[in-house]
Amino acid sequence: MQQQQESKLSWELAIEKLANAIVDRFEKLESKVDQMASFNRNLEVQLGQISNAINLTDQGKLPSKTKVNPREEVKAVKLRSGKQLGEESSEHVTSDVDKKNNVDISDENEQNEIPSLTPHVEPYVPPIPFPQRLKHKKVDKQFEKFLEVLK
């Protein structure tokens, strides 16, 4: 009889442990579901705010108030060659370049030779697109000449 009571007690203990484990897991799952529900509510609020912001702006129209460029305007530009563009006059530009090149302006004026500030650059000629087209025309012309010779 004692063995039966001990076996029942061990059985009951095992069932209690199993029930406790199930309750713990169930509580964890409930907390995760609650977190997901609050996250979904936050997303719905954000989507509502975005849709309201979009609906307030007129579709297909440019804004009447333009934004000012925070960088303002460019006042002067200095090129790699030393040339400076902007508010300064061209006399300042040539004198700055000539100082860098150690050339005296008075000597230039006497000789009436003004050196070119920019080097001569050949114009870019892009490659012929679809060169096989031209080849066919050339072959056709050659064939026409061949036929003329045979006549």
Protein backbone atom coordinates (compact mmCIF):
# COMPACT_ATOMS: atom_id res chain seq x y z
CA MET A 1 0.00 0.00 0.00
CA GLN A 2 2.89 2.34 0.76
CA GLN A 3 4.40 1.67 -2.61
CA GLN A 4 1.15 2.66 -4.27
CA GLN A 5 1.05 5.93 -2.31
CA GLU A 6 4.70 6.68 -3.16
CA SER A 7 4.07 5.95 -6.82
CA LYS A 8 1.03 8.23 -6.80
CA LEU A 9 3.08 10.94 -5.18
CA SER A 10 5.83 10.66 -7.78
CA TRP A 11 3.20 10.60 -10.53
CA GLU A 12 1.47 13.66 -9.09
CA LEU A 13 4.82 15.46 -8.79
CA ALA A 14 5.58 14.76 -12.45
CA ILE A 15 2.18 16.06 -13.52
CA GLU A 16 2.62 19.18 -11.38
CA LYS A 17 6.03 19.88 -12.95
CA LEU A 18 4.57 19.41 -16.42
CA ALA A 19 1.65 21.72 -15.59
CA ASN A 20 4.03 24.38 -14.22
CA ALA A 21 6.21 24.19 -17.32
CA ILE A 22 3.15 24.56 -19.57
CA VAL A 23 1.89 27.55 -17.56
CA ASP A 24 5.33 29.25 -17.79
CA ARG A 25 5.48 28.78 -21.56
CA PHE A 26 1.92 30.02 -21.94
CA GLU A 27 2.75 33.20 -19.96
CA LYS A 28 5.83 33.84 -22.13
CA LEU A 29 3.75 33.43 -25.27
CA GLU A 30 1.10 35.81 -23.94
CA SER A 31 3.73 38.47 -23.23
CA LYS A 32 5.17 38.12 -26.74
CA VAL A 33 1.68 38.41 -28.28
CA ASP A 34 1.07 41.56 -26.22
CA GLN A 35 4.39 43.03 -27.48
CA MET A 36 3.45 42.28 -31.08
CA ALA A 37 0.01 43.84 -30.62
CA SER A 38 1.52 47.07 -29.24
CA PHE A 39 4.03 47.12 -32.11
CA ASN A 40 1.19 46.75 -34.63
CA ARG A 41 -0.72 49.62 -32.97
CA ASN A 42 2.37 51.84 -33.27
CA LEU A 43 2.71 50.94 -36.95
CA GLU A 44 -0.95 51.77 -37.59
CA VAL A 45 -0.51 55.18 -35.94
CA GLN A 46 2.59 55.91 -38.01
CA LEU A 47 0.88 54.87 -41.24
CA GLY A 48 -2.04 57.14 -40.40
CA GLN A 49 0.31 60.07 -39.84
CA ILE A 50 2.09 59.44 -43.13
CA SER A 51 -1.17 59.19 -45.06
CA ASN A 52 -2.39 62.46 -43.51
CA ALA A 53 0.86 64.18 -44.48
CA ILE A 54 0.57 62.93 -48.06
CA ASN A 55 -3.09 63.95 -48.36
CA LEU A 56 -2.32 67.49 -47.15
CA THR A 57 0.03 68.19 -50.08
CA ASP A 58 -1.56 68.89 -53.45
CA GLN A 59 -0.87 66.13 -55.90
CA GLY A 60 0.68 67.10 -59.23
CA LYS A 61 1.62 70.63 -58.18
CA LEU A 62 4.98 72.06 -57.31
CA PRO A 63 5.34 73.63 -53.88
CA SER A 64 4.74 77.38 -53.98
CA LYS A 65 7.49 78.10 -51.50
CA THR A 66 10.89 76.98 -52.68
CA LYS A 67 13.61 75.96 -50.31
CA VAL A 68 16.68 78.18 -50.10
CA ASN A 69 19.97 76.48 -50.85
CA PRO A 70 21.87 76.37 -47.56
CA ARG A 71 25.21 76.59 -49.36
CA GLU A 72 24.24 79.89 -50.98
CA GLU A 73 25.87 80.80 -54.27
CA VAL A 74 29.33 80.02 -55.55
CA LYS A 75 31.30 83.24 -55.71
CA ALA A 76 34.45 82.06 -57.48
CA VAL A 77 35.79 78.93 -59.12
CA LYS A 78 39.46 78.01 -59.35
CA LEU A 79 40.40 75.61 -62.12
CA ARG A 80 43.22 73.07 -62.07
CA SER A 81 45.20 75.15 -64.52
CA GLY A 82 45.23 78.03 -62.05
CA LYS A 83 42.60 80.02 -63.85
CA GLN A 84 40.12 81.65 -61.51
CA LEU A 85 36.56 82.37 -62.59
CA GLY A 86 34.04 84.46 -60.78
CA GLU A 87 33.83 88.09 -59.71
CA GLU A 88 37.47 88.83 -60.51
CA SER A 89 38.19 90.38 -63.87
CA SER A 90 40.16 88.60 -66.59
CA GLU A 91 43.20 90.85 -65.92
CA HIS A 92 43.54 89.36 -62.47
CA VAL A 93 43.22 85.88 -63.93
CA THR A 94 46.02 86.32 -66.43
CA SER A 95 48.28 88.03 -63.90
CA ASP A 96 47.81 85.18 -61.43
CA VAL A 97 48.59 82.58 -64.07
CA ASP A 98 51.56 84.55 -65.37
CA LYS A 99 52.99 84.89 -61.87
CA LYS A 100 52.83 81.13 -61.47
CA ASN A 101 54.53 80.63 -64.83
CA ASN A 102 57.13 83.38 -64.09
CA VAL A 103 56.15 85.36 -67.19
CA ASP A 104 56.36 89.15 -67.25
CA ILE A 105 53.21 90.73 -68.74
CA SER A 106 55.07 93.75 -70.10
CA ASP A 107 57.34 91.46 -72.15
CA GLU A 108 54.30 89.75 -73.62
CA ASN A 109 52.69 93.01 -74.67
CA GLU A 110 55.87 94.11 -76.42
CA GLN A 111 56.15 90.87 -78.37
CA ASN A 112 52.38 90.73 -79.15
CA GLU A 113 52.42 87.05 -78.26
CA ILE A 114 49.92 85.83 -75.74
CA PRO A 115 50.44 82.24 -74.65
CA SER A 116 47.37 80.06 -74.68
CA LEU A 117 46.04 79.38 -71.19
CA THR A 118 44.46 76.10 -72.21
CA PRO A 119 46.30 73.41 -74.16
CA HIS A 120 44.99 72.38 -77.55
CA VAL A 121 42.62 69.45 -77.16
CA GLU A 122 41.53 67.26 -80.04
CA PRO A 123 37.75 66.93 -80.29
CA TYR A 124 36.37 63.60 -79.17
CA VAL A 125 35.15 61.44 -82.01
CA PRO A 126 32.98 58.64 -80.66
CA PRO A 127 33.26 55.20 -82.23
CA ILE A 128 30.74 54.33 -84.92
CA PRO A 129 27.71 52.61 -83.46
CA PHE A 130 26.86 49.31 -85.07
CA PRO A 131 29.87 49.13 -87.45
CA GLN A 132 28.43 46.03 -89.11
CA ARG A 133 25.89 48.31 -90.82
CA LEU A 134 28.65 50.12 -92.70
CA LYS A 135 30.27 46.84 -93.63
CA HIS A 136 27.08 45.69 -95.34
CA LYS A 137 26.88 48.91 -97.37
CA LYS A 138 30.52 48.51 -98.42
CA VAL A 139 29.91 44.92 -99.50
CA ASP A 140 26.81 46.00 -101.45
CA LYS A 141 28.81 48.68 -103.30
CA GLN A 142 31.52 46.17 -104.14
CA PHE A 143 28.90 43.75 -105.44
CA GLU A 144 27.40 46.47 -107.65
CA LYS A 145 30.85 47.20 -109.11
CA PHE A 146 31.35 43.48 -109.70
CA LEU A 147 28.05 43.26 -111.57
CA GLU A 148 28.99 46.29 -113.70
CA VAL A 149 32.27 44.62 -114.66
CA LEU A 150 30.44 41.45 -115.68
CA LYS A 151 27.99 43.33 -117.92
